[in-house]
Amino acid sequence: MAEYVHLTLRFHLEGTEWVGVCLELGTSTFAPTLAECQDELEELVTDHINVLEDVGERERFFAKWGLETHPGPVPNEFTIRYPDDLRESRPLFQPFACPASLPEQQRVGMA
C-alpha cells in the first residue's frame, strides 16, 4: 500500500545563494535560484527516506522523530503562499508530501 509523509521545507537567502532545509529530516542543500534549490531538496529528501527504507531504519527513525505516514498516493496539489518579495530576509516555508518508500523497481539506478 502506498504511503506518504508530510514534511516542511524551509528556504532562505544567504548572500546570493538559496538555502533549503527539510525541518523534519535535517536534509539541506543550496543553489543559485529558488527553483533549483526546491528541486534539489525534494530529490535529496526522497533519497534520504529511501536510504532509511533500504537499511530498515525508516520506521524507527519516523517513530523517534514523530513522523506519521498517511495511506494513499502522494497528494499532487498544495496551496503555497509566497511572500510578495522573495528577496526579503524572512524564510519561505513550503509543504512537501514525500512517498514514505518507493517500490524496489523504481529505485533501480538511483545513486
PDB file of N, CA and C in Angstrom:
ATOM      1  N   MET A   1       0.826  -1.171   0.000  1.00  0.00           N
ATOM      2  CA  MET A   1       0.000   0.000   0.000  1.00  0.00           C
ATOM      3  C   MET A   1       0.883   1.251   0.000  1.00  0.00           C
ATOM      4  N   ALA A   2       0.528   2.228  -0.805  1.00  0.00           N
ATOM      5  CA  ALA A   2       1.282   3.463  -0.888  1.00  0.00           C
ATOM      6  C   ALA A   2       1.091   4.290   0.385  1.00  0.00           C
ATOM      7  N   GLU A   3       2.146   4.941   0.811  1.00  0.00           N
ATOM      8  CA  GLU A   3       2.124   5.825   1.963  1.00  0.00           C
ATOM      9  C   GLU A   3       2.894   7.086   1.633  1.00  0.00           C
ATOM     10  N   TYR A   4       2.573   8.165   2.345  1.00  0.00           N
ATOM     11  CA  TYR A   4       3.365   9.380   2.203  1.00  0.00           C
ATOM     12  C   TYR A   4       3.509  10.041   3.566  1.00  0.00           C
ATOM     13  N   VAL A   5       4.438  10.974   3.651  1.00  0.00           N
ATOM     14  CA  VAL A   5       4.706  11.693   4.888  1.00  0.00           C
ATOM     15  C   VAL A   5       4.712  13.189   4.582  1.00  0.00           C
ATOM     16  N   HIS A   6       4.125  13.991   5.487  1.00  0.00           N
ATOM     17  CA  HIS A   6       4.143  15.444   5.347  1.00  0.00           C
ATOM     18  C   HIS A   6       5.451  15.978   5.917  1.00  0.00           C
ATOM     19  N   LEU A   7       6.130  16.810   5.143  1.00  0.00           N
ATOM     20  CA  LEU A   7       7.378  17.421   5.579  1.00  0.00           C
ATOM     21  C   LEU A   7       7.318  18.923   5.316  1.00  0.00           C
ATOM     22  N   THR A   8       8.176  19.669   5.998  1.00  0.00           N
ATOM     23  CA  THR A   8       8.238  21.113   5.812  1.00  0.00           C
ATOM     24  C   THR A   8       9.608  21.482   5.267  1.00  0.00           C
ATOM     25  N   LEU A   9       9.612  22.162   4.132  1.00  0.00           N
ATOM     26  CA  LEU A   9      10.848  22.623   3.524  1.00  0.00           C
ATOM     27  C   LEU A   9      10.965  24.121   3.772  1.00  0.00           C
ATOM     28  N   ARG A  10      12.110  24.556   4.271  1.00  0.00           N
ATOM     29  CA  ARG A  10      12.345  25.966   4.599  1.00  0.00           C
ATOM     30  C   ARG A  10      13.416  26.507   3.661  1.00  0.00           C
ATOM     31  N   PHE A  11      13.156  27.658   3.060  1.00  0.00           N
ATOM     32  CA  PHE A  11      14.100  28.274   2.131  1.00  0.00           C
ATOM     33  C   PHE A  11      14.389  29.705   2.568  1.00  0.00           C
ATOM     34  N   HIS A  12      15.655  30.097   2.448  1.00  0.00           N
ATOM     35  CA  HIS A  12      16.025  31.481   2.718  1.00  0.00           C
ATOM     36  C   HIS A  12      17.292  31.824   1.942  1.00  0.00           C
ATOM     37  N   LEU A  13      17.500  33.105   1.742  1.00  0.00           N
ATOM     38  CA  LEU A  13      18.692  33.575   1.054  1.00  0.00           C
ATOM     39  C   LEU A  13      19.834  33.754   2.036  1.00  0.00           C
ATOM     40  N   GLU A  14      21.014  33.305   1.638  1.00  0.00           N
ATOM     41  CA  GLU A  14      22.261  33.596   2.345  1.00  0.00           C
ATOM     42  C   GLU A  14      23.186  34.196   1.309  1.00  0.00           C
ATOM     43  N   GLY A  15      23.328  35.502   1.339  1.00  0.00           N
ATOM     44  CA  GLY A  15      24.102  36.182   0.298  1.00  0.00           C
ATOM     45  C   GLY A  15      23.361  36.077  -1.017  1.00  0.00           C
ATOM     46  N   THR A  16      23.971  35.408  -1.992  1.00  0.00           N
ATOM     47  CA  THR A  16      23.327  35.237  -3.298  1.00  0.00           C
ATOM     48  C   THR A  16      22.800  33.821  -3.508  1.00  0.00           C
ATOM     49  N   GLU A  17      22.942  32.958  -2.510  1.00  0.00           N
ATOM     50  CA  GLU A  17      22.515  31.561  -2.636  1.00  0.00           C
ATOM     51  C   GLU A  17      21.239  31.307  -1.851  1.00  0.00           C
ATOM     52  N   TRP A  18      20.368  30.475  -2.411  1.00  0.00           N
ATOM     53  CA  TRP A  18      19.190  29.989  -1.697  1.00  0.00           C
ATOM     54  C   TRP A  18      19.591  28.742  -0.917  1.00  0.00           C
ATOM     55  N   VAL A  19      19.196  28.683   0.340  1.00  0.00           N
ATOM     56  CA  VAL A  19      19.461  27.532   1.190  1.00  0.00           C
ATOM     57  C   VAL A  19      18.111  26.884   1.506  1.00  0.00           C
ATOM     58  N   GLY A  20      18.042  25.570   1.339  1.00  0.00           N
ATOM     59  CA  GLY A  20      16.825  24.828   1.642  1.00  0.00           C
ATOM     60  C   GLY A  20      17.107  23.753   2.669  1.00  0.00           C
ATOM     61  N   VAL A  21      16.199  23.617   3.647  1.00  0.00           N
ATOM     62  CA  VAL A  21      16.344  22.621   4.712  1.00  0.00           C
ATOM     63  C   VAL A  21      15.001  21.939   4.927  1.00  0.00           C
ATOM     64  N   CYS A  22      15.007  20.619   5.023  1.00  0.00           N
ATOM     65  CA  CYS A  22      13.823  19.882   5.458  1.00  0.00           C
ATOM     66  C   CYS A  22      13.863  19.881   6.975  1.00  0.00           C
ATOM     67  N   LEU A  23      12.903  20.560   7.599  1.00  0.00           N
ATOM     68  CA  LEU A  23      12.936  20.723   9.052  1.00  0.00           C
ATOM     69  C   LEU A  23      12.858  19.399   9.791  1.00  0.00           C
ATOM     70  N   GLU A  24      12.094  18.452   9.299  1.00  0.00           N
ATOM     71  CA  GLU A  24      11.919  17.179   9.993  1.00  0.00           C
ATOM     72  C   GLU A  24      13.109  16.236   9.832  1.00  0.00           C
ATOM     73  N   LEU A  25      13.785  16.265   8.685  1.00  0.00           N
ATOM     74  CA  LEU A  25      14.883  15.331   8.427  1.00  0.00           C
ATOM     75  C   LEU A  25      16.257  15.945   8.621  1.00  0.00           C
ATOM     76  N   GLY A  26      16.355  17.280   8.555  1.00  0.00           N
ATOM     77  CA  GLY A  26      17.652  17.935   8.635  1.00  0.00           C
ATOM     78  C   GLY A  26      18.410  17.923   7.317  1.00  0.00           C
ATOM     79  N   THR A  27      17.818  17.400   6.276  1.00  0.00           N
ATOM     80  CA  THR A  27      18.436  17.367   4.953  1.00  0.00           C
ATOM     81  C   THR A  27      18.491  18.785   4.413  1.00  0.00           C
ATOM     82  N   SER A  28      19.619  19.177   3.799  1.00  0.00           N
ATOM     83  CA  SER A  28      19.721  20.539   3.289  1.00  0.00           C
ATOM     84  C   SER A  28      20.548  20.602   2.012  1.00  0.00           C
ATOM     85  N   THR A  29      20.398  21.731   1.313  1.00  0.00           N
ATOM     86  CA  THR A  29      21.148  21.986   0.092  1.00  0.00           C
ATOM     87  C   THR A  29      21.153  23.481  -0.156  1.00  0.00           C
ATOM     88  N   PHE A  30      21.892  23.913  -1.177  1.00  0.00           N
ATOM     89  CA  PHE A  30      21.870  25.310  -1.589  1.00  0.00           C
ATOM     90  C   PHE A  30      22.020  25.370  -3.099  1.00  0.00           C
ATOM     91  N   ALA A  31      21.537  26.468  -3.679  1.00  0.00           N
ATOM     92  CA  ALA A  31      21.591  26.646  -5.136  1.00  0.00           C
ATOM     93  C   ALA A  31      21.435  28.135  -5.453  1.00  0.00           C
ATOM     94  N   PRO A  32      21.802  28.529  -6.664  1.00  0.00           N
ATOM     95  CA  PRO A  32      21.707  29.951  -7.021  1.00  0.00           C
ATOM     96  C   PRO A  32      20.278  30.462  -7.215  1.00  0.00           C
ATOM     97  N   THR A  33      19.321  29.578  -7.497  1.00  0.00           N
ATOM     98  CA  THR A  33      17.941  30.022  -7.678  1.00  0.00           C
ATOM     99  C   THR A  33      17.025  29.239  -6.743  1.00  0.00           C
ATOM    100  N   LEU A  34      15.891  29.842  -6.425  1.00  0.00           N
ATOM    101  CA  LEU A  34      14.918  29.163  -5.571  1.00  0.00           C
ATOM    102  C   LEU A  34      14.412  27.884  -6.225  1.00  0.00           C
ATOM    103  N   ALA A  35      14.114  27.942  -7.517  1.00  0.00           N
ATOM    104  CA  ALA A  35      13.603  26.756  -8.217  1.00  0.00           C
ATOM    105  C   ALA A  35      14.603  25.601  -8.163  1.00  0.00           C
ATOM    106  N   GLU A  36      15.888  25.889  -8.384  1.00  0.00           N
ATOM    107  CA  GLU A  36      16.909  24.842  -8.323  1.00  0.00           C
ATOM    108  C   GLU A  36      17.019  24.276  -6.910  1.00  0.00           C
ATOM    109  N   CYS A  37      16.953  25.155  -5.926  1.00  0.00           N
ATOM    110  CA  CYS A  37      17.054  24.728  -4.537  1.00  0.00           C
ATOM    111  C   CYS A  37      15.866  23.833  -4.174  1.00  0.00           C
ATOM    112  N   GLN A  38      14.664  24.200  -4.602  1.00  0.00           N
ATOM    113  CA  GLN A  38      13.481  23.381  -4.339  1.00  0.00           C
ATOM    114  C   GLN A  38      13.624  22.008  -4.981  1.00  0.00           C
ATOM    115  N   ASP A  39      14.008  21.966  -6.249  1.00  0.00           N
ATOM    116  CA  ASP A  39      14.159  20.686  -6.945  1.00  0.00           C
ATOM    117  C   ASP A  39      15.199  19.795  -6.268  1.00  0.00           C
ATOM    118  N   GLU A  40      16.353  20.381  -5.934  1.00  0.00           N
ATOM    119  CA  GLU A  40      17.419  19.606  -5.314  1.00  0.00           C
ATOM    120  C   GLU A  40      17.005  19.073  -3.943  1.00  0.00           C
ATOM    121  N   LEU A  41      16.335  19.918  -3.160  1.00  0.00           N
ATOM    122  CA  LEU A  41      15.946  19.479  -1.823  1.00  0.00           C
ATOM    123  C   LEU A  41      14.894  18.382  -1.895  1.00  0.00           C
ATOM    124  N   GLU A  42      13.928  18.497  -2.784  1.00  0.00           N
ATOM    125  CA  GLU A  42      12.927  17.444  -2.923  1.00  0.00           C
ATOM    126  C   GLU A  42      13.578  16.125  -3.313  1.00  0.00           C
ATOM    127  N   GLU A  43      14.556  16.170  -4.209  1.00  0.00           N
ATOM    128  CA  GLU A  43      15.263  14.946  -4.609  1.00  0.00           C
ATOM    129  C   GLU A  43      16.066  14.368  -3.440  1.00  0.00           C
ATOM    130  N   LEU A  44      16.759  15.227  -2.699  1.00  0.00           N
ATOM    131  CA  LEU A  44      17.549  14.759  -1.561  1.00  0.00           C
ATOM    132  C   LEU A  44      16.675  14.167  -0.459  1.00  0.00           C
ATOM    133  N   VAL A  45      15.532  14.781  -0.194  1.00  0.00           N
ATOM    134  CA  VAL A  45      14.619  14.266   0.828  1.00  0.00           C
ATOM    135  C   VAL A  45      14.108  12.887   0.418  1.00  0.00           C
ATOM    136  N   THR A  46      13.742  12.732  -0.841  1.00  0.00           N
ATOM    137  CA  THR A  46      13.282  11.435  -1.331  1.00  0.00           C
ATOM    138  C   THR A  46      14.389  10.388  -1.194  1.00  0.00           C
ATOM    139  N   ASP A  47      15.620  10.760  -1.564  1.00  0.00           N
ATOM    140  CA  ASP A  47      16.754   9.838  -1.422  1.00  0.00           C
ATOM    141  C   ASP A  47      16.980   9.479   0.048  1.00  0.00           C
ATOM    142  N   HIS A  48      16.892  10.468   0.932  1.00  0.00           N
ATOM    143  CA  HIS A  48      17.092  10.244   2.365  1.00  0.00           C
ATOM    144  C   HIS A  48      16.104   9.200   2.887  1.00  0.00           C
ATOM    145  N   ILE A  49      14.839   9.376   2.544  1.00  0.00           N
ATOM    146  CA  ILE A  49      13.816   8.433   3.010  1.00  0.00           C
ATOM    147  C   ILE A  49      14.024   7.050   2.401  1.00  0.00           C
ATOM    148  N   ASN A  50      14.421   6.995   1.143  1.00  0.00           N
ATOM    149  CA  ASN A  50      14.666   5.697   0.509  1.00  0.00           C
ATOM    150  C   ASN A  50      15.850   4.969   1.131  1.00  0.00           C
ATOM    151  N   VAL A  51      16.889   5.710   1.519  1.00  0.00           N
ATOM    152  CA  VAL A  51      18.029   5.068   2.183  1.00  0.00           C
ATOM    153  C   VAL A  51      17.598   4.522   3.546  1.00  0.00           C
ATOM    154  N   LEU A  52      16.802   5.309   4.277  1.00  0.00           N
ATOM    155  CA  LEU A  52      16.279   4.800   5.550  1.00  0.00           C
ATOM    156  C   LEU A  52      15.509   3.503   5.336  1.00  0.00           C
ATOM    157  N   GLU A  53      14.700   3.456   4.288  1.00  0.00           N
ATOM    158  CA  GLU A  53      13.927   2.247   3.970  1.00  0.00           C
ATOM    159  C   GLU A  53      14.857   1.094   3.598  1.00  0.00           C
ATOM    160  N   ASP A  54      15.862   1.381   2.754  1.00  0.00           N
ATOM    161  CA  ASP A  54      16.788   0.340   2.292  1.00  0.00           C
ATOM    162  C   ASP A  54      17.544  -0.327   3.437  1.00  0.00           C
ATOM    163  N   VAL A  55      17.890   0.450   4.466  1.00  0.00           N
ATOM    164  CA  VAL A  55      18.650  -0.118   5.582  1.00  0.00           C
ATOM    165  C   VAL A  55      17.749  -0.554   6.739  1.00  0.00           C
ATOM    166  N   GLY A  56      16.436  -0.507   6.518  1.00  0.00           N
ATOM    167  CA  GLY A  56      15.488  -0.984   7.508  1.00  0.00           C
ATOM    168  C   GLY A  56      15.314  -0.067   8.711  1.00  0.00           C
ATOM    169  N   GLU A  57      15.598   1.221   8.548  1.00  0.00           N
ATOM    170  CA  GLU A  57      15.531   2.147   9.663  1.00  0.00           C
ATOM    171  C   GLU A  57      14.387   3.155   9.576  1.00  0.00           C
ATOM    172  N   ARG A  58      13.596   3.127   8.504  1.00  0.00           N
ATOM    173  CA  ARG A  58      12.564   4.160   8.323  1.00  0.00           C
ATOM    174  C   ARG A  58      11.568   4.175   9.475  1.00  0.00           C
ATOM    175  N   GLU A  59      11.023   3.032   9.837  1.00  0.00           N
ATOM    176  CA  GLU A  59      10.011   3.003  10.897  1.00  0.00           C
ATOM    177  C   GLU A  59      10.572   3.508  12.225  1.00  0.00           C
ATOM    178  N   ARG A  60      11.773   3.076  12.582  1.00  0.00           N
ATOM    179  CA  ARG A  60      12.384   3.518  13.838  1.00  0.00           C
ATOM    180  C   ARG A  60      12.647   5.023  13.806  1.00  0.00           C
ATOM    181  N   PHE A  61      13.209   5.508  12.704  1.00  0.00           N
ATOM    182  CA  PHE A  61      13.510   6.937  12.561  1.00  0.00           C
ATOM    183  C   PHE A  61      12.235   7.769  12.641  1.00  0.00           C
ATOM    184  N   PHE A  62      11.201   7.361  11.906  1.00  0.00           N
ATOM    185  CA  PHE A  62       9.937   8.102  11.923  1.00  0.00           C
ATOM    186  C   PHE A  62       9.337   8.118  13.331  1.00  0.00           C
ATOM    187  N   ALA A  63       9.388   6.975  14.033  1.00  0.00           N
ATOM    188  CA  ALA A  63       8.838   6.919  15.390  1.00  0.00           C
ATOM    189  C   ALA A  63       9.624   7.833  16.329  1.00  0.00           C
ATOM    190  N   LYS A  64      10.948   7.806  16.226  1.00  0.00           N
ATOM    191  CA  LYS A  64      11.794   8.628  17.099  1.00  0.00           C
ATOM    192  C   LYS A  64      11.490  10.109  16.933  1.00  0.00           C
ATOM    193  N   TRP A  65      11.245  10.553  15.694  1.00  0.00           N
ATOM    194  CA  TRP A  65      11.047  11.978  15.414  1.00  0.00           C
ATOM    195  C   TRP A  65       9.572  12.352  15.233  1.00  0.00           C
ATOM    196  N   GLY A  66       8.678  11.418  15.516  1.00  0.00           N
ATOM    197  CA  GLY A  66       7.248  11.724  15.469  1.00  0.00           C
ATOM    198  C   GLY A  66       6.691  11.967  14.082  1.00  0.00           C
ATOM    199  N   LEU A  67       7.280  11.335  13.079  1.00  0.00           N
ATOM    200  CA  LEU A  67       6.794  11.489  11.704  1.00  0.00           C
ATOM    201  C   LEU A  67       5.733  10.438  11.429  1.00  0.00           C
ATOM    202  N   GLU A  68       4.578  10.873  10.976  1.00  0.00           N
ATOM    203  CA  GLU A  68       3.476   9.963  10.697  1.00  0.00           C
ATOM    204  C   GLU A  68       3.336   9.736   9.198  1.00  0.00           C
ATOM    205  N   THR A  69       3.101   8.486   8.832  1.00  0.00           N
ATOM    206  CA  THR A  69       2.802   8.185   7.439  1.00  0.00           C
ATOM    207  C   THR A  69       1.293   8.192   7.252  1.00  0.00           C
ATOM    208  N   HIS A  70       0.870   8.520   6.037  1.00  0.00           N
ATOM    209  CA  HIS A  70      -0.550   8.571   5.696  1.00  0.00           C
ATOM    210  C   HIS A  70      -0.791   7.621   4.529  1.00  0.00           C
ATOM    211  N   PRO A  71      -1.884   6.861   4.559  1.00  0.00           N
ATOM    212  CA  PRO A  71      -2.151   5.920   3.467  1.00  0.00           C
ATOM    213  C   PRO A  71      -2.580   6.644   2.202  1.00  0.00           C
ATOM    214  N   GLY A  72      -2.281   6.012   1.088  1.00  0.00           N
ATOM    215  CA  GLY A  72      -2.743   6.540  -0.192  1.00  0.00           C
ATOM    216  C   GLY A  72      -1.629   7.165  -0.997  1.00  0.00           C
ATOM    217  N   PRO A  73      -1.952   7.593  -2.201  1.00  0.00           N
ATOM    218  CA  PRO A  73      -0.948   8.216  -3.065  1.00  0.00           C
ATOM    219  C   PRO A  73      -0.584   9.601  -2.545  1.00  0.00           C
ATOM    220  N   VAL A  74       0.579  10.073  -2.971  1.00  0.00           N
ATOM    221  CA  VAL A  74       1.046  11.408  -2.587  1.00  0.00           C
ATOM    222  C   VAL A  74       0.106  12.451  -3.179  1.00  0.00           C
ATOM    223  N   PRO A  75      -0.379  13.389  -2.368  1.00  0.00           N
ATOM    224  CA  PRO A  75      -1.218  14.455  -2.927  1.00  0.00           C
ATOM    225  C   PRO A  75      -0.453  15.218  -3.999  1.00  0.00           C
ATOM    226  N   ASN A  76      -1.132  15.638  -5.038  1.00  0.00           N
ATOM    227  CA  ASN A  76      -0.426  16.330  -6.118  1.00  0.00           C
ATOM    228  C   ASN A  76      -0.666  17.831  -6.114  1.00  0.00           C
ATOM    229  N   GLU A  77      -1.413  18.336  -5.126  1.00  0.00           N
ATOM    230  CA  GLU A  77      -1.637  19.770  -5.055  1.00  0.00           C
ATOM    231  C   GLU A  77      -1.516  20.261  -3.621  1.00  0.00           C
ATOM    232  N   PHE A  78      -0.879  21.407  -3.485  1.00  0.00           N
ATOM    233  CA  PHE A  78      -0.771  22.100  -2.213  1.00  0.00           C
ATOM    234  C   PHE A  78      -1.014  23.571  -2.471  1.00  0.00           C
ATOM    235  N   THR A  79      -1.453  24.276  -1.466  1.00  0.00           N
ATOM    236  CA  THR A  79      -1.516  25.722  -1.553  1.00  0.00           C
ATOM    237  C   THR A  79      -0.248  26.261  -0.921  1.00  0.00           C
ATOM    238  N   ILE A  80       0.537  26.947  -1.706  1.00  0.00           N
ATOM    239  CA  ILE A  80       1.785  27.530  -1.228  1.00  0.00           C
ATOM    240  C   ILE A  80       1.659  29.036  -1.337  1.00  0.00           C
ATOM    241  N   ARG A  81       1.884  29.730  -0.247  1.00  0.00           N
ATOM    242  CA  ARG A  81       1.830  31.187  -0.263  1.00  0.00           C
ATOM    243  C   ARG A  81       3.242  31.727  -0.150  1.00  0.00           C
ATOM    244  N   TYR A  82       3.649  32.466  -1.157  1.00  0.00           N
ATOM    245  CA  TYR A  82       4.971  33.068  -1.168  1.00  0.00           C
ATOM    246  C   TYR A  82       4.878  34.524  -0.736  1.00  0.00           C
ATOM    247  N   PRO A  83       5.906  35.047  -0.083  1.00  0.00           N
ATOM    248  CA  PRO A  83       5.922  36.477   0.205  1.00  0.00           C
ATOM    249  C   PRO A  83       5.898  37.267  -1.102  1.00  0.00           C
ATOM    250  N   ASP A  84       5.398  38.494  -1.051  1.00  0.00           N
ATOM    251  CA  ASP A  84       5.362  39.335  -2.250  1.00  0.00           C
ATOM    252  C   ASP A  84       6.750  39.533  -2.828  1.00  0.00           C
ATOM    253  N   ASP A  85       7.743  39.678  -1.974  1.00  0.00           N
ATOM    254  CA  ASP A  85       9.114  39.893  -2.420  1.00  0.00           C
ATOM    255  C   ASP A  85       9.969  38.741  -1.899  1.00  0.00           C
ATOM    256  N   LEU A  86      10.356  37.826  -2.788  1.00  0.00           N
ATOM    257  CA  LEU A  86      11.139  36.659  -2.366  1.00  0.00           C
ATOM    258  C   LEU A  86      12.542  37.036  -1.918  1.00  0.00           C
ATOM    259  N   ARG A  87      12.953  38.273  -2.145  1.00  0.00           N
ATOM    260  CA  ARG A  87      14.282  38.707  -1.720  1.00  0.00           C
ATOM    261  C   ARG A  87      14.278  39.213  -0.279  1.00  0.00           C
ATOM    262  N   GLU A  88      13.107  39.239   0.376  1.00  0.00           N
ATOM    263  CA  GLU A  88      13.059  39.650   1.771  1.00  0.00           C
ATOM    264  C   GLU A  88      13.845  38.662   2.621  1.00  0.00           C
ATOM    265  N   SER A  89      14.268  39.100   3.787  1.00  0.00           N
ATOM    266  CA  SER A  89      15.132  38.259   4.618  1.00  0.00           C
ATOM    267  C   SER A  89      14.374  37.161   5.354  1.00  0.00           C
ATOM    268  N   ARG A  90      13.058  37.245   5.436  1.00  0.00           N
ATOM    269  CA  ARG A  90      12.321  36.210   6.162  1.00  0.00           C
ATOM    270  C   ARG A  90      12.299  34.904   5.355  1.00  0.00           C
ATOM    271  N   PRO A  91      12.238  33.767   6.042  1.00  0.00           N
ATOM    272  CA  PRO A  91      12.265  32.483   5.335  1.00  0.00           C
ATOM    273  C   PRO A  91      10.941  32.171   4.640  1.00  0.00           C
ATOM    274  N   LEU A  92      11.026  31.282   3.684  1.00  0.00           N
ATOM    275  CA  LEU A  92       9.874  30.780   2.943  1.00  0.00           C
ATOM    276  C   LEU A  92       9.692  29.319   3.338  1.00  0.00           C
ATOM    277  N   PHE A  93       8.491  28.955   3.742  1.00  0.00           N
ATOM    278  CA  PHE A  93       8.203  27.571   4.107  1.00  0.00           C
ATOM    279  C   PHE A  93       7.322  26.945   3.034  1.00  0.00           C
ATOM    280  N   GLN A  94       7.597  25.701   2.685  1.00  0.00           N
ATOM    281  CA  GLN A  94       6.844  25.003   1.653  1.00  0.00           C
ATOM    282  C   GLN A  94       6.444  23.627   2.162  1.00  0.00           C
ATOM    283  N   PRO A  95       5.150  23.284   2.102  1.00  0.00           N
ATOM    284  CA  PRO A  95       4.761  21.918   2.470  1.00  0.00           C
ATOM    285  C   PRO A  95       5.248  20.944   1.400  1.00  0.00           C
ATOM    286  N   PHE A  96       5.552  19.740   1.800  1.00  0.00           N
ATOM    287  CA  PHE A  96       6.033  18.727   0.855  1.00  0.00           C
ATOM    288  C   PHE A  96       5.548  17.372   1.332  1.00  0.00           C
ATOM    289  N   ALA A  97       4.903  16.631   0.462  1.00  0.00           N
ATOM    290  CA  ALA A  97       4.499  15.261   0.766  1.00  0.00           C
ATOM    291  C   ALA A  97       5.393  14.341  -0.039  1.00  0.00           C
ATOM    292  N   CYS A  98       6.062  13.464   0.640  1.00  0.00           N
ATOM    293  CA  CYS A  98       7.032  12.580   0.009  1.00  0.00           C
ATOM    294  C   CYS A  98       6.588  11.137   0.199  1.00  0.00           C
ATOM    295  N   PRO A  99       6.763  10.300  -0.833  1.00  0.00           N
ATOM    296  CA  PRO A  99       6.455   8.877  -0.622  1.00  0.00           C
ATOM    297  C   PRO A  99       7.264   8.357   0.553  1.00  0.00           C
ATOM    298  N   ALA A 100       6.637   7.579   1.407  1.00  0.00           N
ATOM    299  CA  ALA A 100       7.340   7.020   2.557  1.00  0.00           C
ATOM    300  C   ALA A 100       8.350   5.975   2.115  1.00  0.00           C
ATOM    301  N   SER A 101       8.145   5.395   0.943  1.00  0.00           N
ATOM    302  CA  SER A 101       9.121   4.493   0.327  1.00  0.00           C
ATOM    303  C   SER A 101       8.694   4.275  -1.110  1.00  0.00           C
ATOM    304  N   LEU A 102       9.680   3.984  -1.948  1.00  0.00           N
ATOM    305  CA  LEU A 102       9.396   3.682  -3.349  1.00  0.00           C
ATOM    306  C   LEU A 102       9.498   2.186  -3.566  1.00  0.00           C
ATOM    307  N   PRO A 103       8.648   1.627  -4.442  1.00  0.00           N
ATOM    308  CA  PRO A 103       8.802   0.210  -4.776  1.00  0.00           C
ATOM    309  C   PRO A 103      10.215  -0.050  -5.303  1.00  0.00           C
ATOM    310  N   GLU A 104      10.745  -1.207  -4.998  1.00  0.00           N
ATOM    311  CA  GLU A 104      12.122  -1.553  -5.368  1.00  0.00           C
ATOM    312  C   GLU A 104      12.414  -1.287  -6.839  1.00  0.00           C
ATOM    313  N   GLN A 105      11.462  -1.592  -7.745  1.00  0.00           N
ATOM    314  CA  GLN A 105      11.723  -1.417  -9.165  1.00  0.00           C
ATOM    315  C   GLN A 105      11.921   0.046  -9.530  1.00  0.00           C
ATOM    316  N   GLN A 106      11.392   0.984  -8.746  1.00  0.00           N
ATOM    317  CA  GLN A 106      11.572   2.397  -9.033  1.00  0.00           C
ATOM    318  C   GLN A 106      12.903   2.916  -8.479  1.00  0.00           C
ATOM    319  N   ARG A 107      13.535   2.171  -7.589  1.00  0.00           N
ATOM    320  CA  ARG A 107      14.810   2.593  -7.006  1.00  0.00           C
ATOM    321  C   ARG A 107      15.994   2.162  -7.839  1.00  0.00           C
ATOM    322  N   VAL A 108      15.810   1.239  -8.752  1.00  0.00           N
ATOM    323  CA  VAL A 108      16.910   0.741  -9.573  1.00  0.00           C
ATOM    324  C   VAL A 108      17.529   1.924 -10.316  1.00  0.00           C
ATOM    325  N   GLY A 109      18.830   2.029 -10.252  1.00  0.00           N
ATOM    326  CA  GLY A 109      19.538   3.098 -10.951  1.00  0.00           C
ATOM    327  C   GLY A 109      19.685   4.358 -10.126  1.00  0.00           C
ATOM    328  N   MET A 110      19.094   4.411  -8.917  1.00  0.00           N
ATOM    329  CA  MET A 110      19.284   5.587  -8.068  1.00  0.00           C
ATOM    330  C   MET A 110      20.641   5.468  -7.406  1.00  0.00           C
ATOM    331  N   ALA A 111      21.379   6.568  -7.403  1.00  0.00           N
ATOM    332  CA  ALA A 111      22.700   6.540  -6.766  1.00  0.00           C
ATOM    333  C   ALA A 111      22.670   7.289  -5.473  1.00  0.00           C
TER     334      ALA A 111
END
